[in-house]
Every structure is written in C-alpha cells, then in structure tokens.
Amino acid sequence: MEKVPDQVFSQKMMGDGIAIRPSDGKIVSPLNGEVVHIFPAKHAMTLRSEEGVELLVHIGLDTIRLNGEGFDLKVSPGDKIKTGAPLADVQITRIAEKGYDVMTPIIVLNRDRFKVDRSNGPSTVTAGKDMLIRVIKK
C-alpha cells in the first residue's frame, strides 16, 4: 500500500493521523487491541490499542454512500485483534469504478492523550509488517 503525503491531511477534521492507498483489498489491523465500533455502512471502524490509542479506520472517501456494497468485514465489535489481522476485504476496483476514492484515513481520535510521530517512514509499506506512524502518549 502507498502512504498518502502528509499535506493531504488536515488535523482540523477529526484528529491527527495518516492516509493510505491500499494496493489490494485487504485491510488489516494496525495494532494489537480490540474492535470498538463498526459503522452500519461497513466503510469505517474504530479500534482501541492495548495502550488506549483509539483509531478510526475509514475505508475510502464518501464510501458511506455505498451502504456496505463492496465491503466484506472480517471482525465484529468486541473482537480482540493483533497487528496484521484481517479487518476487511474490500473490492477496491469496484469501489473505484463507482467513482469513489479508496484513500483510507487512519485517524487518532483521542489526540488529547496521544500524538502522532511521523519520523521519516517509508512511502510504501507492507500491511501488517511495516510501521506507518508511531503514536506517543502525551
């Protein structure tokens, strides 16, 4: 997957984070922790790490309008997850054909307790293996 340049991101939206552009439809967990919430349209979920970091994983932009079409979730709220564990299989070609961008923001929701460190990470990463960002307790 490809990391999207930082200038694409605005902290004023919801919080600090990063965006990725998946190269295939496999969305995996960026952390060890649990699934807190899954949105009804299956396009987004919140996760909580063992350290308390809360992340929003929003698969694609405006994909709420697809009402779950093209999203095959592999987890449910309350599930325990490990880094690299499958969260969803997404039909990214189908989503793109419908006119939606598959850019996937991953946002730290509790930025009052944690901050993002982007120290020169690579521009492409392997899901479940490479570190996207570091999240540090304030």
C-alpha atoms as a PDB file:
ATOM      1  CA  MET A   1       0.000   0.000   0.000  1.00  0.00           C
ATOM      2  CA  GLU A   2       1.103   3.557  -0.564  1.00  0.00           C
ATOM      3  CA  LYS A   3       1.165   6.212   2.146  1.00  0.00           C
ATOM      4  CA  VAL A   4      -0.538   9.421   1.098  1.00  0.00           C
ATOM      5  CA  PRO A   5       1.603  12.575   1.547  1.00  0.00           C
ATOM      6  CA  ASP A   6       1.079  14.357   4.877  1.00  0.00           C
ATOM      7  CA  GLN A   7      -0.024  17.586   3.209  1.00  0.00           C
ATOM      8  CA  VAL A   8      -3.235  15.808   2.144  1.00  0.00           C
ATOM      9  CA  PHE A   9      -4.213  15.589   5.791  1.00  0.00           C
ATOM     10  CA  SER A  10      -5.843  18.183   7.996  1.00  0.00           C
ATOM     11  CA  GLN A  11      -5.776  17.815  11.786  1.00  0.00           C
ATOM     12  CA  LYS A  12      -8.805  20.078  11.958  1.00  0.00           C
ATOM     13  CA  MET A  13     -11.099  17.381  10.542  1.00  0.00           C
ATOM     14  CA  MET A  14     -11.095  14.855  13.397  1.00  0.00           C
ATOM     15  CA  GLY A  15      -7.589  14.352  14.608  1.00  0.00           C
ATOM     16  CA  ASP A  16      -4.077  13.610  13.524  1.00  0.00           C
ATOM     17  CA  GLY A  17      -3.225  10.550  11.509  1.00  0.00           C
ATOM     18  CA  ILE A  18      -2.205   9.243   8.142  1.00  0.00           C
ATOM     19  CA  ALA A  19      -3.867   8.035   4.969  1.00  0.00           C
ATOM     20  CA  ILE A  20      -3.028   5.001   2.882  1.00  0.00           C
ATOM     21  CA  ARG A  21      -3.996   3.924  -0.604  1.00  0.00           C
ATOM     22  CA  PRO A  22      -4.402   0.131  -0.443  1.00  0.00           C
ATOM     23  CA  SER A  23      -2.812  -1.756  -3.344  1.00  0.00           C
ATOM     24  CA  ASP A  24      -5.206  -4.657  -2.852  1.00  0.00           C
ATOM     25  CA  GLY A  25      -8.459  -5.044  -0.977  1.00  0.00           C
ATOM     26  CA  LYS A  26      -7.029  -6.487   2.212  1.00  0.00           C
ATOM     27  CA  ILE A  27      -7.415  -4.131   5.166  1.00  0.00           C
ATOM     28  CA  VAL A  28      -5.512  -5.336   8.231  1.00  0.00           C
ATOM     29  CA  SER A  29      -5.221  -4.209  11.820  1.00  0.00           C
ATOM     30  CA  PRO A  30      -2.561  -1.578  12.507  1.00  0.00           C
ATOM     31  CA  LEU A  31      -2.464  -2.515  16.224  1.00  0.00           C
ATOM     32  CA  ASN A  32      -2.935  -5.058  18.975  1.00  0.00           C
ATOM     33  CA  GLY A  33      -6.197  -4.365  20.756  1.00  0.00           C
ATOM     34  CA  GLU A  34      -9.904  -4.629  20.044  1.00  0.00           C
ATOM     35  CA  VAL A  35     -12.624  -3.583  17.628  1.00  0.00           C
ATOM     36  CA  VAL A  36     -14.757  -0.965  19.378  1.00  0.00           C
ATOM     37  CA  HIS A  37     -17.338   0.000  16.750  1.00  0.00           C
ATOM     38  CA  ILE A  38     -18.239  -0.731  13.143  1.00  0.00           C
ATOM     39  CA  PHE A  39     -20.308   1.787  11.229  1.00  0.00           C
ATOM     40  CA  PRO A  40     -23.535   0.415   9.684  1.00  0.00           C
ATOM     41  CA  ALA A  41     -22.321   1.087   6.114  1.00  0.00           C
ATOM     42  CA  LYS A  42     -19.239  -1.095   6.839  1.00  0.00           C
ATOM     43  CA  HIS A  43     -16.943   1.647   5.498  1.00  0.00           C
ATOM     44  CA  ALA A  44     -15.363   2.585   8.837  1.00  0.00           C
ATOM     45  CA  MET A  45     -14.479   1.182  12.222  1.00  0.00           C
ATOM     46  CA  THR A  46     -12.920   2.296  15.457  1.00  0.00           C
ATOM     47  CA  LEU A  47     -10.180   0.304  17.137  1.00  0.00           C
ATOM     48  CA  ARG A  48      -8.547   0.636  20.550  1.00  0.00           C
ATOM     49  CA  SER A  49      -4.976  -0.456  21.216  1.00  0.00           C
ATOM     50  CA  GLU A  50      -3.872  -2.216  24.381  1.00  0.00           C
ATOM     51  CA  GLU A  51      -2.285   1.132  25.398  1.00  0.00           C
ATOM     52  CA  GLY A  52      -5.563   3.017  24.891  1.00  0.00           C
ATOM     53  CA  VAL A  53      -4.964   4.643  21.483  1.00  0.00           C
ATOM     54  CA  GLU A  54      -8.292   4.980  19.667  1.00  0.00           C
ATOM     55  CA  LEU A  55      -8.143   4.886  15.874  1.00  0.00           C
ATOM     56  CA  LEU A  56     -10.719   5.479  13.190  1.00  0.00           C
ATOM     57  CA  VAL A  57     -10.058   3.430  10.053  1.00  0.00           C
ATOM     58  CA  HIS A  58     -12.184   4.973   7.292  1.00  0.00           C
ATOM     59  CA  ILE A  59     -12.005   2.843   4.141  1.00  0.00           C
ATOM     60  CA  GLY A  60     -12.271   5.189   1.169  1.00  0.00           C
ATOM     61  CA  LEU A  61     -13.748   8.658   0.831  1.00  0.00           C
ATOM     62  CA  ASP A  62     -17.524   9.154   0.773  1.00  0.00           C
ATOM     63  CA  THR A  63     -17.888   5.365   0.720  1.00  0.00           C
ATOM     64  CA  ILE A  64     -20.703   5.606   3.258  1.00  0.00           C
ATOM     65  CA  ARG A  65     -22.899   6.114   0.180  1.00  0.00           C
ATOM     66  CA  LEU A  66     -22.211   2.527  -0.911  1.00  0.00           C
ATOM     67  CA  ASN A  67     -24.218   1.208   2.076  1.00  0.00           C
ATOM     68  CA  GLY A  68     -21.832  -1.700   2.596  1.00  0.00           C
ATOM     69  CA  GLU A  69     -21.599  -2.743  -1.062  1.00  0.00           C
ATOM     70  CA  GLY A  70     -18.088  -3.999  -1.772  1.00  0.00           C
ATOM     71  CA  PHE A  71     -17.123  -4.410   1.917  1.00  0.00           C
ATOM     72  CA  ASP A  72     -16.675  -7.857   3.485  1.00  0.00           C
ATOM     73  CA  LEU A  73     -15.909  -7.354   7.177  1.00  0.00           C
ATOM     74  CA  LYS A  74     -13.854  -9.983   8.994  1.00  0.00           C
ATOM     75  CA  VAL A  75     -14.396  -8.613  12.526  1.00  0.00           C
ATOM     76  CA  SER A  76     -17.192  -7.561  14.861  1.00  0.00           C
ATOM     77  CA  PRO A  77     -17.323  -5.129  17.790  1.00  0.00           C
ATOM     78  CA  GLY A  78     -15.614  -6.636  20.818  1.00  0.00           C
ATOM     79  CA  ASP A  79     -13.250  -8.838  18.801  1.00  0.00           C
ATOM     80  CA  LYS A  80      -9.640  -8.937  20.005  1.00  0.00           C
ATOM     81  CA  ILE A  81      -7.178  -8.191  17.188  1.00  0.00           C
ATOM     82  CA  LYS A  82      -3.444  -8.394  16.566  1.00  0.00           C
ATOM     83  CA  THR A  83      -1.330  -6.314  14.201  1.00  0.00           C
ATOM     84  CA  GLY A  84      -1.767  -7.683  10.682  1.00  0.00           C
ATOM     85  CA  ALA A  85      -5.030  -9.498  11.441  1.00  0.00           C
ATOM     86  CA  PRO A  86      -7.650  -9.165   8.665  1.00  0.00           C
ATOM     87  CA  LEU A  87     -10.260  -6.459   9.300  1.00  0.00           C
ATOM     88  CA  ALA A  88     -11.964  -6.408   5.897  1.00  0.00           C
ATOM     89  CA  ASP A  89     -11.731  -7.460   2.286  1.00  0.00           C
ATOM     90  CA  VAL A  90     -12.710  -4.563   0.072  1.00  0.00           C
ATOM     91  CA  GLN A  91     -13.446  -4.640  -3.646  1.00  0.00           C
ATOM     92  CA  ILE A  92     -11.274  -1.605  -4.416  1.00  0.00           C
ATOM     93  CA  THR A  93     -11.665  -1.904  -8.193  1.00  0.00           C
ATOM     94  CA  ARG A  94     -15.445  -1.979  -7.904  1.00  0.00           C
ATOM     95  CA  ILE A  95     -15.417   0.970  -5.489  1.00  0.00           C
ATOM     96  CA  ALA A  96     -13.187   2.971  -7.854  1.00  0.00           C
ATOM     97  CA  GLU A  97     -15.427   2.097 -10.827  1.00  0.00           C
ATOM     98  CA  LYS A  98     -18.345   3.605  -8.909  1.00  0.00           C
ATOM     99  CA  GLY A  99     -16.368   6.843  -8.648  1.00  0.00           C
ATOM    100  CA  TYR A 100     -15.092   6.634  -5.071  1.00  0.00           C
ATOM    101  CA  ASP A 101     -11.511   7.131  -3.925  1.00  0.00           C
ATOM    102  CA  VAL A 102     -10.096   4.246  -1.876  1.00  0.00           C
ATOM    103  CA  MET A 103      -7.733   6.533   0.058  1.00  0.00           C
ATOM    104  CA  THR A 104      -8.098   5.280   3.637  1.00  0.00           C
ATOM    105  CA  PRO A 105      -7.546   7.718   6.509  1.00  0.00           C
ATOM    106  CA  ILE A 106      -6.378   6.265   9.819  1.00  0.00           C
ATOM    107  CA  ILE A 107      -7.006   8.887  12.482  1.00  0.00           C
ATOM    108  CA  VAL A 108      -6.076   9.080  16.180  1.00  0.00           C
ATOM    109  CA  LEU A 109      -9.348  10.036  17.839  1.00  0.00           C
ATOM    110  CA  ASN A 110      -8.088  10.673  21.364  1.00  0.00           C
ATOM    111  CA  ARG A 111      -5.489  13.273  20.430  1.00  0.00           C
ATOM    112  CA  ASP A 112      -5.857  14.844  23.869  1.00  0.00           C
ATOM    113  CA  ARG A 113      -3.890  11.843  25.225  1.00  0.00           C
ATOM    114  CA  PHE A 114      -1.746  10.806  22.248  1.00  0.00           C
ATOM    115  CA  LYS A 115       0.230  12.464  19.463  1.00  0.00           C
ATOM    116  CA  VAL A 116       1.486  11.202  16.118  1.00  0.00           C
ATOM    117  CA  ASP A 117       5.186  10.902  15.265  1.00  0.00           C
ATOM    118  CA  ARG A 118       5.875  10.616  11.531  1.00  0.00           C
ATOM    119  CA  SER A 119       9.663  10.315  11.691  1.00  0.00           C
ATOM    120  CA  ASN A 120      10.588   9.639   8.103  1.00  0.00           C
ATOM    121  CA  GLY A 121       8.578   6.489   7.468  1.00  0.00           C
ATOM    122  CA  PRO A 122       8.776   4.827   4.041  1.00  0.00           C
ATOM    123  CA  SER A 123       6.402   5.911   1.250  1.00  0.00           C
ATOM    124  CA  THR A 124       5.231   2.339   0.653  1.00  0.00           C
ATOM    125  CA  VAL A 125       4.641  -0.224   3.344  1.00  0.00           C
ATOM    126  CA  THR A 126       3.670  -3.872   3.629  1.00  0.00           C
ATOM    127  CA  ALA A 127       0.451  -4.319   5.559  1.00  0.00           C
ATOM    128  CA  GLY A 128       0.986  -5.867   8.972  1.00  0.00           C
ATOM    129  CA  LYS A 129       4.780  -5.660   8.725  1.00  0.00           C
ATOM    130  CA  ASP A 130       5.946  -2.060   8.331  1.00  0.00           C
ATOM    131  CA  MET A 131       5.230   0.779  10.745  1.00  0.00           C
ATOM    132  CA  LEU A 132       3.098   3.568   9.297  1.00  0.00           C
ATOM    133  CA  ILE A 133       3.377   6.020  12.179  1.00  0.00           C
ATOM    134  CA  ARG A 134       4.211   5.982  15.857  1.00  0.00           C
ATOM    135  CA  VAL A 135       1.622   7.162  18.328  1.00  0.00           C
ATOM    136  CA  ILE A 136       3.085   8.514  21.562  1.00  0.00           C
ATOM    137  CA  LYS A 137       1.394   9.244  24.878  1.00  0.00           C
ATOM    138  CA  LYS A 138       1.445  12.970  25.688  1.00  0.00           C
END
